[in-house]
Amino acid sequence: MYLPSDPNILLSVINTKLRDEYSSLDDLCDSLDIEKDRLTDDLKSAGYKYNEALNQFV
């Protein structure tokens, strides 16, 4: 899957998929063949962190 380079658009895309299609970040990454560490690092550099209880980046 192509990931947007803009962190705000990336956040929106990932959180929408987590809300609508996947029960966890691991499920999303496995299903879409996304490198979890890269995704979390990209969003962390923009100030976002994954919240497992909410199943979203905040």
N, C-alpha and C. Protein backbone atom coordinates (compact mmCIF):
# COMPACT_ATOMS: atom_id res chain seq x y z
N MET A 1 0.85 -1.18 0.00
CA MET A 1 0.00 0.00 0.00
C MET A 1 0.89 1.24 0.00
N TYR A 2 0.51 2.20 -0.80
CA TYR A 2 1.21 3.49 -0.83
C TYR A 2 0.82 4.27 0.42
N LEU A 3 1.82 4.80 1.12
CA LEU A 3 1.56 5.63 2.29
C LEU A 3 1.87 7.08 1.96
N PRO A 4 0.94 7.99 2.26
CA PRO A 4 1.17 9.40 1.99
C PRO A 4 2.38 9.91 2.78
N SER A 5 3.13 10.82 2.21
CA SER A 5 4.31 11.36 2.90
C SER A 5 3.94 12.47 3.88
N ASP A 6 2.83 13.14 3.65
CA ASP A 6 2.37 14.18 4.57
C ASP A 6 1.85 13.50 5.85
N PRO A 7 2.43 13.83 7.02
CA PRO A 7 2.04 13.13 8.24
C PRO A 7 0.58 13.31 8.63
N ASN A 8 -0.01 14.45 8.31
CA ASN A 8 -1.41 14.67 8.67
C ASN A 8 -2.35 13.83 7.80
N ILE A 9 -2.02 13.70 6.54
CA ILE A 9 -2.82 12.85 5.65
C ILE A 9 -2.60 11.38 6.03
N LEU A 10 -1.35 11.02 6.33
CA LEU A 10 -1.06 9.66 6.77
C LEU A 10 -1.86 9.33 8.02
N LEU A 11 -1.88 10.23 8.98
CA LEU A 11 -2.65 10.03 10.21
C LEU A 11 -4.12 9.78 9.89
N SER A 12 -4.68 10.59 9.03
CA SER A 12 -6.09 10.45 8.67
C SER A 12 -6.38 9.11 8.01
N VAL A 13 -5.54 8.71 7.07
CA VAL A 13 -5.73 7.45 6.35
C VAL A 13 -5.64 6.27 7.32
N ILE A 14 -4.60 6.26 8.14
CA ILE A 14 -4.39 5.13 9.06
C ILE A 14 -5.48 5.07 10.11
N ASN A 15 -5.83 6.20 10.71
CA ASN A 15 -6.88 6.18 11.74
C ASN A 15 -8.23 5.78 11.16
N THR A 16 -8.52 6.18 9.94
CA THR A 16 -9.77 5.78 9.29
C THR A 16 -9.80 4.27 9.08
N LYS A 17 -8.69 3.73 8.60
CA LYS A 17 -8.63 2.28 8.39
C LYS A 17 -8.72 1.53 9.72
N LEU A 18 -8.07 2.04 10.75
CA LEU A 18 -8.15 1.40 12.06
C LEU A 18 -9.59 1.43 12.58
N ARG A 19 -10.25 2.53 12.39
CA ARG A 19 -11.63 2.66 12.88
C ARG A 19 -12.60 1.77 12.10
N ASP A 20 -12.44 1.75 10.77
CA ASP A 20 -13.43 1.09 9.93
C ASP A 20 -13.13 -0.36 9.57
N GLU A 21 -11.86 -0.75 9.55
CA GLU A 21 -11.52 -2.05 8.98
C GLU A 21 -10.69 -2.97 9.87
N TYR A 22 -9.95 -2.44 10.83
CA TYR A 22 -8.99 -3.28 11.56
C TYR A 22 -9.15 -3.10 13.07
N SER A 23 -9.00 -4.20 13.78
CA SER A 23 -9.16 -4.17 15.23
C SER A 23 -7.86 -3.85 15.96
N SER A 24 -6.75 -3.79 15.23
CA SER A 24 -5.47 -3.46 15.86
C SER A 24 -4.49 -2.96 14.81
N LEU A 25 -3.45 -2.31 15.28
CA LEU A 25 -2.39 -1.84 14.39
C LEU A 25 -1.66 -3.02 13.76
N ASP A 26 -1.47 -4.07 14.52
CA ASP A 26 -0.82 -5.27 13.98
C ASP A 26 -1.62 -5.86 12.83
N ASP A 27 -2.94 -5.94 12.98
CA ASP A 27 -3.80 -6.47 11.90
C ASP A 27 -3.69 -5.61 10.65
N LEU A 28 -3.72 -4.30 10.83
CA LEU A 28 -3.60 -3.39 9.69
C LEU A 28 -2.28 -3.59 8.97
N CYS A 29 -1.19 -3.59 9.72
CA CYS A 29 0.14 -3.72 9.11
C CYS A 29 0.32 -5.06 8.41
N ASP A 30 -0.15 -6.13 9.04
CA ASP A 30 -0.06 -7.46 8.42
C ASP A 30 -0.87 -7.53 7.14
N SER A 31 -2.08 -7.03 7.19
CA SER A 31 -2.98 -7.12 6.05
C SER A 31 -2.51 -6.28 4.86
N LEU A 32 -1.98 -5.09 5.14
CA LEU A 32 -1.59 -4.17 4.08
C LEU A 32 -0.10 -4.23 3.76
N ASP A 33 0.60 -5.16 4.42
CA ASP A 33 2.04 -5.33 4.22
C ASP A 33 2.79 -4.02 4.44
N ILE A 34 2.50 -3.41 5.59
CA ILE A 34 3.14 -2.16 6.00
C ILE A 34 4.12 -2.48 7.12
N GLU A 35 5.29 -1.89 7.06
CA GLU A 35 6.29 -2.06 8.11
C GLU A 35 5.86 -1.23 9.33
N LYS A 36 5.47 -1.93 10.40
CA LYS A 36 4.92 -1.27 11.58
C LYS A 36 5.89 -0.24 12.18
N ASP A 37 7.17 -0.60 12.29
CA ASP A 37 8.14 0.33 12.88
C ASP A 37 8.27 1.60 12.05
N ARG A 38 8.25 1.47 10.75
CA ARG A 38 8.35 2.65 9.88
C ARG A 38 7.13 3.54 10.06
N LEU A 39 5.96 2.94 10.08
CA LEU A 39 4.72 3.69 10.24
C LEU A 39 4.71 4.43 11.58
N THR A 40 5.00 3.72 12.65
CA THR A 40 4.97 4.36 13.97
C THR A 40 6.05 5.43 14.09
N ASP A 41 7.22 5.20 13.49
CA ASP A 41 8.29 6.21 13.52
C ASP A 41 7.89 7.46 12.74
N ASP A 42 7.28 7.27 11.57
CA ASP A 42 6.84 8.41 10.76
C ASP A 42 5.82 9.25 11.52
N LEU A 43 4.87 8.59 12.16
CA LEU A 43 3.85 9.34 12.89
C LEU A 43 4.39 9.89 14.21
N LYS A 44 5.31 9.19 14.82
CA LYS A 44 5.93 9.69 16.05
C LYS A 44 6.71 10.97 15.79
N SER A 45 7.39 11.04 14.65
CA SER A 45 8.15 12.24 14.32
C SER A 45 7.24 13.45 14.11
N ALA A 46 5.97 13.20 13.85
CA ALA A 46 5.00 14.28 13.70
C ALA A 46 4.23 14.54 15.00
N GLY A 47 4.60 13.80 16.06
CA GLY A 47 3.98 14.05 17.36
C GLY A 47 2.83 13.12 17.70
N TYR A 48 2.64 12.05 16.94
CA TYR A 48 1.53 11.13 17.19
C TYR A 48 2.04 9.80 17.73
N LYS A 49 1.26 9.23 18.63
CA LYS A 49 1.62 7.95 19.23
C LYS A 49 0.39 7.04 19.18
N TYR A 50 0.63 5.75 18.93
CA TYR A 50 -0.47 4.79 18.87
C TYR A 50 -1.01 4.52 20.26
N ASN A 51 -2.32 4.62 20.42
CA ASN A 51 -3.00 4.31 21.67
C ASN A 51 -3.77 3.01 21.44
N GLU A 52 -3.30 1.94 22.03
CA GLU A 52 -3.90 0.62 21.82
C GLU A 52 -5.34 0.56 22.31
N ALA A 53 -5.63 1.19 23.45
CA ALA A 53 -6.99 1.17 24.00
C ALA A 53 -7.99 1.84 23.07
N LEU A 54 -7.56 2.90 22.39
CA LEU A 54 -8.44 3.61 21.45
C LEU A 54 -8.33 3.07 20.03
N ASN A 55 -7.29 2.27 19.78
CA ASN A 55 -6.98 1.76 18.45
C ASN A 55 -6.87 2.90 17.44
N GLN A 56 -6.08 3.89 17.82
CA GLN A 56 -5.83 5.02 16.93
C GLN A 56 -4.57 5.75 17.35
N PHE A 57 -4.05 6.54 16.44
CA PHE A 57 -2.93 7.41 16.75
C PHE A 57 -3.50 8.73 17.28
N VAL A 58 -2.92 9.21 18.36
CA VAL A 58 -3.37 10.47 18.95
C VAL A 58 -2.19 11.38 19.19
